[in-house]
Amino acid sequence: MSDKLRIKLSIADRVYPLSVNAEQEESLRQAAEQLQKMVKQFESSYAVNDKQDVLAMCALQLANTVALKSKDQHIYQSAKAQLEALSEEIDNAIGVNE
């Protein structure tokens, strides 16, 4: 059984106390650090003063990234299935499976 750790993460000038599993701690800290970098990038690139607007922009960018990765994974799986089917047809045509 894993023990819960109490950590604090700072995002957009707010501190969020969390109870997490030990194996989650590092990835959550890295995610918070990446999010903080995104916040600073949006603040410096755009005239946005409201943290909620900045966080909404970050959420949109992250959601888009997830959607693109999901689409890429779907394309990969589809291509893999087509290649496997083609390979099987070639094997049957040249008599490899006989």
PDB file of N, CA and C in Angstrom:
ATOM      1  N   MET A   1       0.852  -1.183   0.000  1.00  0.00           N
ATOM      2  CA  MET A   1       0.000   0.000   0.000  1.00  0.00           C
ATOM      3  C   MET A   1       0.889   1.234   0.000  1.00  0.00           C
ATOM      4  N   SER A   2       0.588   2.179  -0.873  1.00  0.00           N
ATOM      5  CA  SER A   2       1.415   3.375  -0.945  1.00  0.00           C
ATOM      6  C   SER A   2       0.865   4.456  -0.022  1.00  0.00           C
ATOM      7  N   ASP A   3       1.791   5.138   0.630  1.00  0.00           N
ATOM      8  CA  ASP A   3       1.410   6.207   1.533  1.00  0.00           C
ATOM      9  C   ASP A   3       1.172   7.480   0.744  1.00  0.00           C
ATOM     10  N   LYS A   4       0.277   8.310   1.246  1.00  0.00           N
ATOM     11  CA  LYS A   4      -0.007   9.594   0.618  1.00  0.00           C
ATOM     12  C   LYS A   4       1.012  10.618   1.104  1.00  0.00           C
ATOM     13  N   LEU A   5       1.486  11.411   0.160  1.00  0.00           N
ATOM     14  CA  LEU A   5       2.377  12.523   0.480  1.00  0.00           C
ATOM     15  C   LEU A   5       1.584  13.808   0.384  1.00  0.00           C
ATOM     16  N   ARG A   6       1.884  14.736   1.252  1.00  0.00           N
ATOM     17  CA  ARG A   6       1.260  16.052   1.170  1.00  0.00           C
ATOM     18  C   ARG A   6       2.262  16.976   0.502  1.00  0.00           C
ATOM     19  N   ILE A   7       1.890  17.493  -0.659  1.00  0.00           N
ATOM     20  CA  ILE A   7       2.770  18.395  -1.388  1.00  0.00           C
ATOM     21  C   ILE A   7       2.011  19.684  -1.697  1.00  0.00           C
ATOM     22  N   LYS A   8       2.761  20.704  -2.064  1.00  0.00           N
ATOM     23  CA  LYS A   8       2.171  21.964  -2.486  1.00  0.00           C
ATOM     24  C   LYS A   8       2.732  22.301  -3.859  1.00  0.00           C
ATOM     25  N   LEU A   9       1.833  22.611  -4.782  1.00  0.00           N
ATOM     26  CA  LEU A   9       2.236  22.984  -6.133  1.00  0.00           C
ATOM     27  C   LEU A   9       1.784  24.417  -6.393  1.00  0.00           C
ATOM     28  N   SER A  10       2.665  25.196  -6.994  1.00  0.00           N
ATOM     29  CA  SER A  10       2.354  26.583  -7.317  1.00  0.00           C
ATOM     30  C   SER A  10       2.064  26.703  -8.807  1.00  0.00           C
ATOM     31  N   ILE A  11       0.874  27.217  -9.102  1.00  0.00           N
ATOM     32  CA  ILE A  11       0.456  27.414 -10.488  1.00  0.00           C
ATOM     33  C   ILE A  11      -0.255  28.765 -10.574  1.00  0.00           C
ATOM     34  N   ALA A  12       0.241  29.622 -11.448  1.00  0.00           N
ATOM     35  CA  ALA A  12      -0.381  30.929 -11.697  1.00  0.00           C
ATOM     36  C   ALA A  12      -0.572  31.723 -10.404  1.00  0.00           C
ATOM     37  N   ASP A  13       0.485  31.792  -9.638  1.00  0.00           N
ATOM     38  CA  ASP A  13       0.507  32.576  -8.390  1.00  0.00           C
ATOM     39  C   ASP A  13      -0.444  32.068  -7.310  1.00  0.00           C
ATOM     40  N   ARG A  14      -0.817  30.815  -7.398  1.00  0.00           N
ATOM     41  CA  ARG A  14      -1.615  30.191  -6.346  1.00  0.00           C
ATOM     42  C   ARG A  14      -0.952  28.899  -5.935  1.00  0.00           C
ATOM     43  N   VAL A  15      -1.080  28.577  -4.669  1.00  0.00           N
ATOM     44  CA  VAL A  15      -0.511  27.337  -4.137  1.00  0.00           C
ATOM     45  C   VAL A  15      -1.646  26.352  -3.907  1.00  0.00           C
ATOM     46  N   TYR A  16      -1.442  25.147  -4.417  1.00  0.00           N
ATOM     47  CA  TYR A  16      -2.438  24.097  -4.304  1.00  0.00           C
ATOM     48  C   TYR A  16      -1.880  22.941  -3.480  1.00  0.00           C
ATOM     49  N   PRO A  17      -2.426  22.731  -2.278  1.00  0.00           N
ATOM     50  CA  PRO A  17      -1.990  21.584  -1.469  1.00  0.00           C
ATOM     51  C   PRO A  17      -2.681  20.312  -1.971  1.00  0.00           C
ATOM     52  N   LEU A  18      -1.903  19.270  -2.116  1.00  0.00           N
ATOM     53  CA  LEU A  18      -2.433  18.004  -2.623  1.00  0.00           C
ATOM     54  C   LEU A  18      -1.947  16.840  -1.772  1.00  0.00           C
ATOM     55  N   SER A  19      -2.751  15.792  -1.741  1.00  0.00           N
ATOM     56  CA  SER A  19      -2.327  14.515  -1.180  1.00  0.00           C
ATOM     57  C   SER A  19      -2.192  13.561  -2.351  1.00  0.00           C
ATOM     58  N   VAL A  20      -0.986  13.056  -2.561  1.00  0.00           N
ATOM     59  CA  VAL A  20      -0.717  12.238  -3.740  1.00  0.00           C
ATOM     60  C   VAL A  20       0.031  10.980  -3.342  1.00  0.00           C
ATOM     61  N   ASN A  21      -0.032   9.982  -4.213  1.00  0.00           N
ATOM     62  CA  ASN A  21       0.783   8.787  -4.029  1.00  0.00           C
ATOM     63  C   ASN A  21       2.230   9.148  -4.340  1.00  0.00           C
ATOM     64  N   ALA A  22       3.153   8.478  -3.691  1.00  0.00           N
ATOM     65  CA  ALA A  22       4.575   8.766  -3.874  1.00  0.00           C
ATOM     66  C   ALA A  22       4.988   8.662  -5.335  1.00  0.00           C
ATOM     67  N   GLU A  23       4.426   7.679  -6.056  1.00  0.00           N
ATOM     68  CA  GLU A  23       4.814   7.505  -7.461  1.00  0.00           C
ATOM     69  C   GLU A  23       4.267   8.606  -8.365  1.00  0.00           C
ATOM     70  N   GLN A  24       3.308   9.384  -7.897  1.00  0.00           N
ATOM     71  CA  GLN A  24       2.751  10.493  -8.673  1.00  0.00           C
ATOM     72  C   GLN A  24       3.495  11.805  -8.457  1.00  0.00           C
ATOM     73  N   GLU A  25       4.214  11.911  -7.373  1.00  0.00           N
ATOM     74  CA  GLU A  25       4.780  13.197  -6.978  1.00  0.00           C
ATOM     75  C   GLU A  25       5.633  13.838  -8.069  1.00  0.00           C
ATOM     76  N   GLU A  26       6.592  13.121  -8.602  1.00  0.00           N
ATOM     77  CA  GLU A  26       7.520  13.711  -9.566  1.00  0.00           C
ATOM     78  C   GLU A  26       6.806  14.168 -10.828  1.00  0.00           C
ATOM     79  N   SER A  27       5.916  13.325 -11.351  1.00  0.00           N
ATOM     80  CA  SER A  27       5.217  13.706 -12.584  1.00  0.00           C
ATOM     81  C   SER A  27       4.302  14.908 -12.352  1.00  0.00           C
ATOM     82  N   LEU A  28       3.678  15.009 -11.175  1.00  0.00           N
ATOM     83  CA  LEU A  28       2.842  16.170 -10.870  1.00  0.00           C
ATOM     84  C   LEU A  28       3.681  17.434 -10.736  1.00  0.00           C
ATOM     85  N   ARG A  29       4.832  17.312 -10.128  1.00  0.00           N
ATOM     86  CA  ARG A  29       5.717  18.484 -10.006  1.00  0.00           C
ATOM     87  C   ARG A  29       6.191  18.948 -11.390  1.00  0.00           C
ATOM     88  N   GLN A  30       6.527  18.004 -12.248  1.00  0.00           N
ATOM     89  CA  GLN A  30       6.948  18.354 -13.612  1.00  0.00           C
ATOM     90  C   GLN A  30       5.797  18.994 -14.380  1.00  0.00           C
ATOM     91  N   ALA A  31       4.593  18.457 -14.232  1.00  0.00           N
ATOM     92  CA  ALA A  31       3.429  19.017 -14.917  1.00  0.00           C
ATOM     93  C   ALA A  31       3.158  20.447 -14.441  1.00  0.00           C
ATOM     94  N   ALA A  32       3.259  20.670 -13.139  1.00  0.00           N
ATOM     95  CA  ALA A  32       3.045  22.007 -12.597  1.00  0.00           C
ATOM     96  C   ALA A  32       4.107  22.976 -13.108  1.00  0.00           C
ATOM     97  N   GLU A  33       5.339  22.508 -13.213  1.00  0.00           N
ATOM     98  CA  GLU A  33       6.427  23.342 -13.729  1.00  0.00           C
ATOM     99  C   GLU A  33       6.191  23.699 -15.199  1.00  0.00           C
ATOM    100  N   GLN A  34       5.774  22.729 -15.988  1.00  0.00           N
ATOM    101  CA  GLN A  34       5.483  22.989 -17.400  1.00  0.00           C
ATOM    102  C   GLN A  34       4.306  23.961 -17.543  1.00  0.00           C
ATOM    103  N   LEU A  35       3.294  23.771 -16.713  1.00  0.00           N
ATOM    104  CA  LEU A  35       2.138  24.662 -16.755  1.00  0.00           C
ATOM    105  C   LEU A  35       2.540  26.079 -16.365  1.00  0.00           C
ATOM    106  N   GLN A  36       3.388  26.200 -15.372  1.00  0.00           N
ATOM    107  CA  GLN A  36       3.855  27.522 -14.948  1.00  0.00           C
ATOM    108  C   GLN A  36       4.625  28.210 -16.078  1.00  0.00           C
ATOM    109  N   LYS A  37       5.431  27.443 -16.820  1.00  0.00           N
ATOM    110  CA  LYS A  37       6.149  28.002 -17.967  1.00  0.00           C
ATOM    111  C   LYS A  37       5.175  28.472 -19.037  1.00  0.00           C
ATOM    112  N   MET A  38       4.138  27.686 -19.274  1.00  0.00           N
ATOM    113  CA  MET A  38       3.124  28.084 -20.254  1.00  0.00           C
ATOM    114  C   MET A  38       2.441  29.381 -19.830  1.00  0.00           C
ATOM    115  N   VAL A  39       2.105  29.479 -18.562  1.00  0.00           N
ATOM    116  CA  VAL A  39       1.454  30.685 -18.045  1.00  0.00           C
ATOM    117  C   VAL A  39       2.340  31.897 -18.306  1.00  0.00           C
ATOM    118  N   LYS A  40       3.609  31.780 -17.963  1.00  0.00           N
ATOM    119  CA  LYS A  40       4.534  32.899 -18.173  1.00  0.00           C
ATOM    120  C   LYS A  40       4.668  33.238 -19.656  1.00  0.00           C
ATOM    121  N   GLN A  41       4.694  32.214 -20.511  1.00  0.00           N
ATOM    122  CA  GLN A  41       4.813  32.442 -21.955  1.00  0.00           C
ATOM    123  C   GLN A  41       3.586  33.195 -22.475  1.00  0.00           C
ATOM    124  N   PHE A  42       2.397  32.769 -22.074  1.00  0.00           N
ATOM    125  CA  PHE A  42       1.187  33.460 -22.513  1.00  0.00           C
ATOM    126  C   PHE A  42       1.150  34.889 -21.979  1.00  0.00           C
ATOM    127  N   GLU A  43       1.555  35.075 -20.739  1.00  0.00           N
ATOM    128  CA  GLU A  43       1.544  36.426 -20.161  1.00  0.00           C
ATOM    129  C   GLU A  43       2.509  37.352 -20.885  1.00  0.00           C
ATOM    130  N   SER A  44       3.656  36.826 -21.293  1.00  0.00           N
ATOM    131  CA  SER A  44       4.627  37.680 -21.968  1.00  0.00           C
ATOM    132  C   SER A  44       4.291  37.883 -23.450  1.00  0.00           C
ATOM    133  N   SER A  45       3.588  36.933 -24.047  1.00  0.00           N
ATOM    134  CA  SER A  45       3.274  37.022 -25.468  1.00  0.00           C
ATOM    135  C   SER A  45       1.990  37.802 -25.759  1.00  0.00           C
ATOM    136  N   TYR A  46       1.080  37.820 -24.812  1.00  0.00           N
ATOM    137  CA  TYR A  46      -0.218  38.457 -25.027  1.00  0.00           C
ATOM    138  C   TYR A  46      -0.494  39.433 -23.894  1.00  0.00           C
ATOM    139  N   ALA A  47      -1.315  40.417 -24.178  1.00  0.00           N
ATOM    140  CA  ALA A  47      -1.680  41.407 -23.161  1.00  0.00           C
ATOM    141  C   ALA A  47      -2.837  40.859 -22.333  1.00  0.00           C
ATOM    142  N   VAL A  48      -2.530  39.864 -21.519  1.00  0.00           N
ATOM    143  CA  VAL A  48      -3.550  39.227 -20.695  1.00  0.00           C
ATOM    144  C   VAL A  48      -3.168  39.427 -19.231  1.00  0.00           C
ATOM    145  N   ASN A  49      -4.063  40.043 -18.490  1.00  0.00           N
ATOM    146  CA  ASN A  49      -3.782  40.291 -17.070  1.00  0.00           C
ATOM    147  C   ASN A  49      -4.537  39.335 -16.155  1.00  0.00           C
ATOM    148  N   ASP A  50      -5.618  38.775 -16.644  1.00  0.00           N
ATOM    149  CA  ASP A  50      -6.457  37.904 -15.832  1.00  0.00           C
ATOM    150  C   ASP A  50      -5.905  36.482 -15.854  1.00  0.00           C
ATOM    151  N   LYS A  51      -5.556  35.958 -14.694  1.00  0.00           N
ATOM    152  CA  LYS A  51      -4.983  34.607 -14.592  1.00  0.00           C
ATOM    153  C   LYS A  51      -5.956  33.554 -15.122  1.00  0.00           C
ATOM    154  N   GLN A  52      -7.251  33.774 -14.930  1.00  0.00           N
ATOM    155  CA  GLN A  52      -8.228  32.811 -15.420  1.00  0.00           C
ATOM    156  C   GLN A  52      -8.176  32.732 -16.941  1.00  0.00           C
ATOM    157  N   ASP A  53      -8.011  33.865 -17.612  1.00  0.00           N
ATOM    158  CA  ASP A  53      -7.885  33.861 -19.067  1.00  0.00           C
ATOM    159  C   ASP A  53      -6.622  33.125 -19.501  1.00  0.00           C
ATOM    160  N   VAL A  54      -5.538  33.351 -18.799  1.00  0.00           N
ATOM    161  CA  VAL A  54      -4.274  32.690 -19.121  1.00  0.00           C
ATOM    162  C   VAL A  54      -4.413  31.185 -18.922  1.00  0.00           C
ATOM    163  N   LEU A  55      -5.025  30.781 -17.823  1.00  0.00           N
ATOM    164  CA  LEU A  55      -5.206  29.354 -17.562  1.00  0.00           C
ATOM    165  C   LEU A  55      -6.145  28.716 -18.588  1.00  0.00           C
ATOM    166  N   ALA A  56      -7.153  29.458 -19.038  1.00  0.00           N
ATOM    167  CA  ALA A  56      -8.040  28.942 -20.082  1.00  0.00           C
ATOM    168  C   ALA A  56      -7.256  28.732 -21.373  1.00  0.00           C
ATOM    169  N   MET A  57      -6.365  29.649 -21.705  1.00  0.00           N
ATOM    170  CA  MET A  57      -5.537  29.510 -22.905  1.00  0.00           C
ATOM    171  C   MET A  57      -4.616  28.299 -22.777  1.00  0.00           C
ATOM    172  N   CYS A  58      -4.051  28.099 -21.595  1.00  0.00           N
ATOM    173  CA  CYS A  58      -3.199  26.925 -21.356  1.00  0.00           C
ATOM    174  C   CYS A  58      -4.008  25.641 -21.497  1.00  0.00           C
ATOM    175  N   ALA A  59      -5.211  25.626 -20.923  1.00  0.00           N
ATOM    176  CA  ALA A  59      -6.064  24.439 -21.001  1.00  0.00           C
ATOM    177  C   ALA A  59      -6.410  24.121 -22.450  1.00  0.00           C
ATOM    178  N   LEU A  60      -6.706  25.153 -23.236  1.00  0.00           N
ATOM    179  CA  LEU A  60      -7.023  24.940 -24.644  1.00  0.00           C
ATOM    180  C   LEU A  60      -5.829  24.358 -25.394  1.00  0.00           C
ATOM    181  N   GLN A  61      -4.643  24.896 -25.141  1.00  0.00           N
ATOM    182  CA  GLN A  61      -3.447  24.389 -25.815  1.00  0.00           C
ATOM    183  C   GLN A  61      -3.170  22.945 -25.412  1.00  0.00           C
ATOM    184  N   LEU A  62      -3.301  22.626 -24.134  1.00  0.00           N
ATOM    185  CA  LEU A  62      -3.069  21.254 -23.674  1.00  0.00           C
ATOM    186  C   LEU A  62      -4.105  20.289 -24.234  1.00  0.00           C
ATOM    187  N   ALA A  63      -5.370  20.716 -24.282  1.00  0.00           N
ATOM    188  CA  ALA A  63      -6.419  19.866 -24.837  1.00  0.00           C
ATOM    189  C   ALA A  63      -6.159  19.607 -26.322  1.00  0.00           C
ATOM    190  N   ASN A  64      -5.706  20.616 -27.025  1.00  0.00           N
ATOM    191  CA  ASN A  64      -5.381  20.449 -28.441  1.00  0.00           C
ATOM    192  C   ASN A  64      -4.225  19.462 -28.616  1.00  0.00           C
ATOM    193  N   THR A  65      -3.233  19.555 -27.770  1.00  0.00           N
ATOM    194  CA  THR A  65      -2.093  18.641 -27.822  1.00  0.00           C
ATOM    195  C   THR A  65      -2.556  17.196 -27.599  1.00  0.00           C
ATOM    196  N   VAL A  66      -3.431  16.993 -26.626  1.00  0.00           N
ATOM    197  CA  VAL A  66      -3.965  15.653 -26.350  1.00  0.00           C
ATOM    198  C   VAL A  66      -4.769  15.153 -27.543  1.00  0.00           C
ATOM    199  N   ALA A  67      -5.584  16.018 -28.134  1.00  0.00           N
ATOM    200  CA  ALA A  67      -6.388  15.621 -29.292  1.00  0.00           C
ATOM    201  C   ALA A  67      -5.500  15.231 -30.467  1.00  0.00           C
ATOM    202  N   LEU A  68      -4.438  15.997 -30.690  1.00  0.00           N
ATOM    203  CA  LEU A  68      -3.527  15.687 -31.795  1.00  0.00           C
ATOM    204  C   LEU A  68      -2.814  14.359 -31.559  1.00  0.00           C
ATOM    205  N   LYS A  69      -2.392  14.110 -30.324  1.00  0.00           N
ATOM    206  CA  LYS A  69      -1.733  12.837 -30.013  1.00  0.00           C
ATOM    207  C   LYS A  69      -2.696  11.676 -30.203  1.00  0.00           C
ATOM    208  N   SER A  70      -3.945  11.873 -29.810  1.00  0.00           N
ATOM    209  CA  SER A  70      -4.953  10.828 -29.978  1.00  0.00           C
ATOM    210  C   SER A  70      -5.180  10.551 -31.458  1.00  0.00           C
ATOM    211  N   LYS A  71      -5.248  11.609 -32.253  1.00  0.00           N
ATOM    212  CA  LYS A  71      -5.421  11.461 -33.698  1.00  0.00           C
ATOM    213  C   LYS A  71      -4.218  10.731 -34.301  1.00  0.00           C
ATOM    214  N   ASP A  72      -3.007  11.127 -33.882  1.00  0.00           N
ATOM    215  CA  ASP A  72      -1.796  10.467 -34.367  1.00  0.00           C
ATOM    216  C   ASP A  72      -1.800   8.986 -34.006  1.00  0.00           C
ATOM    217  N   GLN A  73      -2.232   8.659 -32.799  1.00  0.00           N
ATOM    218  CA  GLN A  73      -2.289   7.259 -32.351  1.00  0.00           C
ATOM    219  C   GLN A  73      -3.286   6.480 -33.196  1.00  0.00           C
ATOM    220  N   HIS A  74      -4.420   7.100 -33.503  1.00  0.00           N
ATOM    221  CA  HIS A  74      -5.431   6.444 -34.341  1.00  0.00           C
ATOM    222  C   HIS A  74      -4.867   6.190 -35.741  1.00  0.00           C
ATOM    223  N   ILE A  75      -4.196   7.183 -36.312  1.00  0.00           N
ATOM    224  CA  ILE A  75      -3.591   7.031 -37.642  1.00  0.00           C
ATOM    225  C   ILE A  75      -2.553   5.913 -37.624  1.00  0.00           C
ATOM    226  N   TYR A  76      -1.731   5.886 -36.564  1.00  0.00           N
ATOM    227  CA  TYR A  76      -0.716   4.835 -36.432  1.00  0.00           C
ATOM    228  C   TYR A  76      -1.365   3.451 -36.378  1.00  0.00           C
ATOM    229  N   GLN A  77      -2.396   3.300 -35.561  1.00  0.00           N
ATOM    230  CA  GLN A  77      -3.057   1.998 -35.416  1.00  0.00           C
ATOM    231  C   GLN A  77      -3.690   1.567 -36.734  1.00  0.00           C
ATOM    232  N   SER A  78      -4.298   2.516 -37.433  1.00  0.00           N
ATOM    233  CA  SER A  78      -4.917   2.216 -38.720  1.00  0.00           C
ATOM    234  C   SER A  78      -3.864   1.782 -39.738  1.00  0.00           C
ATOM    235  N   ALA A  79      -2.770   2.516 -39.822  1.00  0.00           N
ATOM    236  CA  ALA A  79      -1.696   2.175 -40.753  1.00  0.00           C
ATOM    237  C   ALA A  79      -1.094   0.810 -40.415  1.00  0.00           C
ATOM    238  N   LYS A  80      -0.914   0.558 -39.126  1.00  0.00           N
ATOM    239  CA  LYS A  80      -0.361  -0.725 -38.691  1.00  0.00           C
ATOM    240  C   LYS A  80      -1.269  -1.875 -39.110  1.00  0.00           C
ATOM    241  N   ALA A  81      -2.582  -1.705 -38.921  1.00  0.00           N
ATOM    242  CA  ALA A  81      -3.527  -2.754 -39.310  1.00  0.00           C
ATOM    243  C   ALA A  81      -3.504  -2.977 -40.811  1.00  0.00           C
ATOM    244  N   GLN A  82      -3.422  -1.896 -41.567  1.00  0.00           N
ATOM    245  CA  GLN A  82      -3.379  -2.027 -43.030  1.00  0.00           C
ATOM    246  C   GLN A  82      -2.094  -2.722 -43.476  1.00  0.00           C
ATOM    247  N   LEU A  83      -0.974  -2.379 -42.857  1.00  0.00           N
ATOM    248  CA  LEU A  83       0.298  -3.018 -43.212  1.00  0.00           C
ATOM    249  C   LEU A  83       0.295  -4.501 -42.849  1.00  0.00           C
ATOM    250  N   GLU A  84      -0.287  -4.842 -41.711  1.00  0.00           N
ATOM    251  CA  GLU A  84      -0.366  -6.250 -41.314  1.00  0.00           C
ATOM    252  C   GLU A  84      -1.236  -7.032 -42.285  1.00  0.00           C
ATOM    253  N   ALA A  85      -2.353  -6.424 -42.700  1.00  0.00           N
ATOM    254  CA  ALA A  85      -3.229  -7.090 -43.666  1.00  0.00           C
ATOM    255  C   ALA A  85      -2.513  -7.267 -45.001  1.00  0.00           C
ATOM    256  N   LEU A  86      -1.806  -6.243 -45.439  1.00  0.00           N
ATOM    257  CA  LEU A  86      -1.053  -6.318 -46.692  1.00  0.00           C
ATOM    258  C   LEU A  86       0.043  -7.372 -46.606  1.00  0.00           C
ATOM    259  N   SER A  87       0.727  -7.431 -45.484  1.00  0.00           N
ATOM    260  CA  SER A  87       1.779  -8.426 -45.292  1.00  0.00           C
ATOM    261  C   SER A  87       1.203  -9.843 -45.352  1.00  0.00           C
ATOM    262  N   GLU A  88       0.036 -10.003 -44.755  1.00  0.00           N
ATOM    263  CA  GLU A  88      -0.611 -11.321 -44.789  1.00  0.00           C
ATOM    264  C   GLU A  88      -1.004 -11.691 -46.224  1.00  0.00           C
ATOM    265  N   GLU A  89      -1.516 -10.725 -46.976  1.00  0.00           N
ATOM    266  CA  GLU A  89      -1.881 -10.977 -48.374  1.00  0.00           C
ATOM    267  C   GLU A  89      -0.645 -11.355 -49.194  1.00  0.00           C
ATOM    268  N   ILE A  90       0.454 -10.675 -48.978  1.00  0.00           N
ATOM    269  CA  ILE A  90       1.701 -10.973 -49.693  1.00  0.00           C
ATOM    270  C   ILE A  90       2.184 -12.371 -49.337  1.00  0.00           C
ATOM    271  N   ASP A  91       2.163 -12.679 -48.028  1.00  0.00           N
ATOM    272  CA  ASP A  91       2.570 -14.022 -47.595  1.00  0.00           C
ATOM    273  C   ASP A  91       1.705 -15.100 -48.261  1.00  0.00           C
ATOM    274  N   ASN A  92       0.380 -14.868 -48.329  1.00  0.00           N
ATOM    275  CA  ASN A  92      -0.521 -15.838 -48.951  1.00  0.00           C
ATOM    276  C   ASN A  92      -0.237 -15.945 -50.448  1.00  0.00           C
ATOM    277  N   ALA A  93       0.050 -14.816 -51.083  1.00  0.00           N
ATOM    278  CA  ALA A  93       0.289 -14.801 -52.529  1.00  0.00           C
ATOM    279  C   ALA A  93       1.571 -15.548 -52.902  1.00  0.00           C
ATOM    280  N   ILE A  94       2.572 -15.471 -52.037  1.00  0.00           N
ATOM    281  CA  ILE A  94       3.850 -16.143 -52.383  1.00  0.00           C
ATOM    282  C   ILE A  94       3.958 -17.502 -51.707  1.00  0.00           C
ATOM    283  N   GLY A  95       2.909 -17.882 -50.983  1.00  0.00           N
ATOM    284  CA  GLY A  95       2.864 -19.221 -50.410  1.00  0.00           C
ATOM    285  C   GLY A  95       3.697 -19.411 -49.165  1.00  0.00           C
ATOM    286  N   VAL A  96       3.899 -18.378 -48.389  1.00  0.00           N
ATOM    287  CA  VAL A  96       4.691 -18.495 -47.159  1.00  0.00           C
ATOM    288  C   VAL A  96       3.953 -19.334 -46.115  1.00  0.00           C
ATOM    289  N   ASN A  97       2.641 -19.231 -46.056  1.00  0.00           N
ATOM    290  CA  ASN A  97       1.863 -19.911 -45.022  1.00  0.00           C
ATOM    291  C   ASN A  97       1.500 -21.343 -45.390  1.00  0.00           C
ATOM    292  N   GLU A  98       1.947 -21.831 -46.508  1.00  0.00           N
ATOM    293  CA  GLU A  98       1.572 -23.190 -46.927  1.00  0.00           C
ATOM    294  C   GLU A  98       2.546 -24.217 -46.431  1.00  0.00           C
TER     295      GLU A  98
END
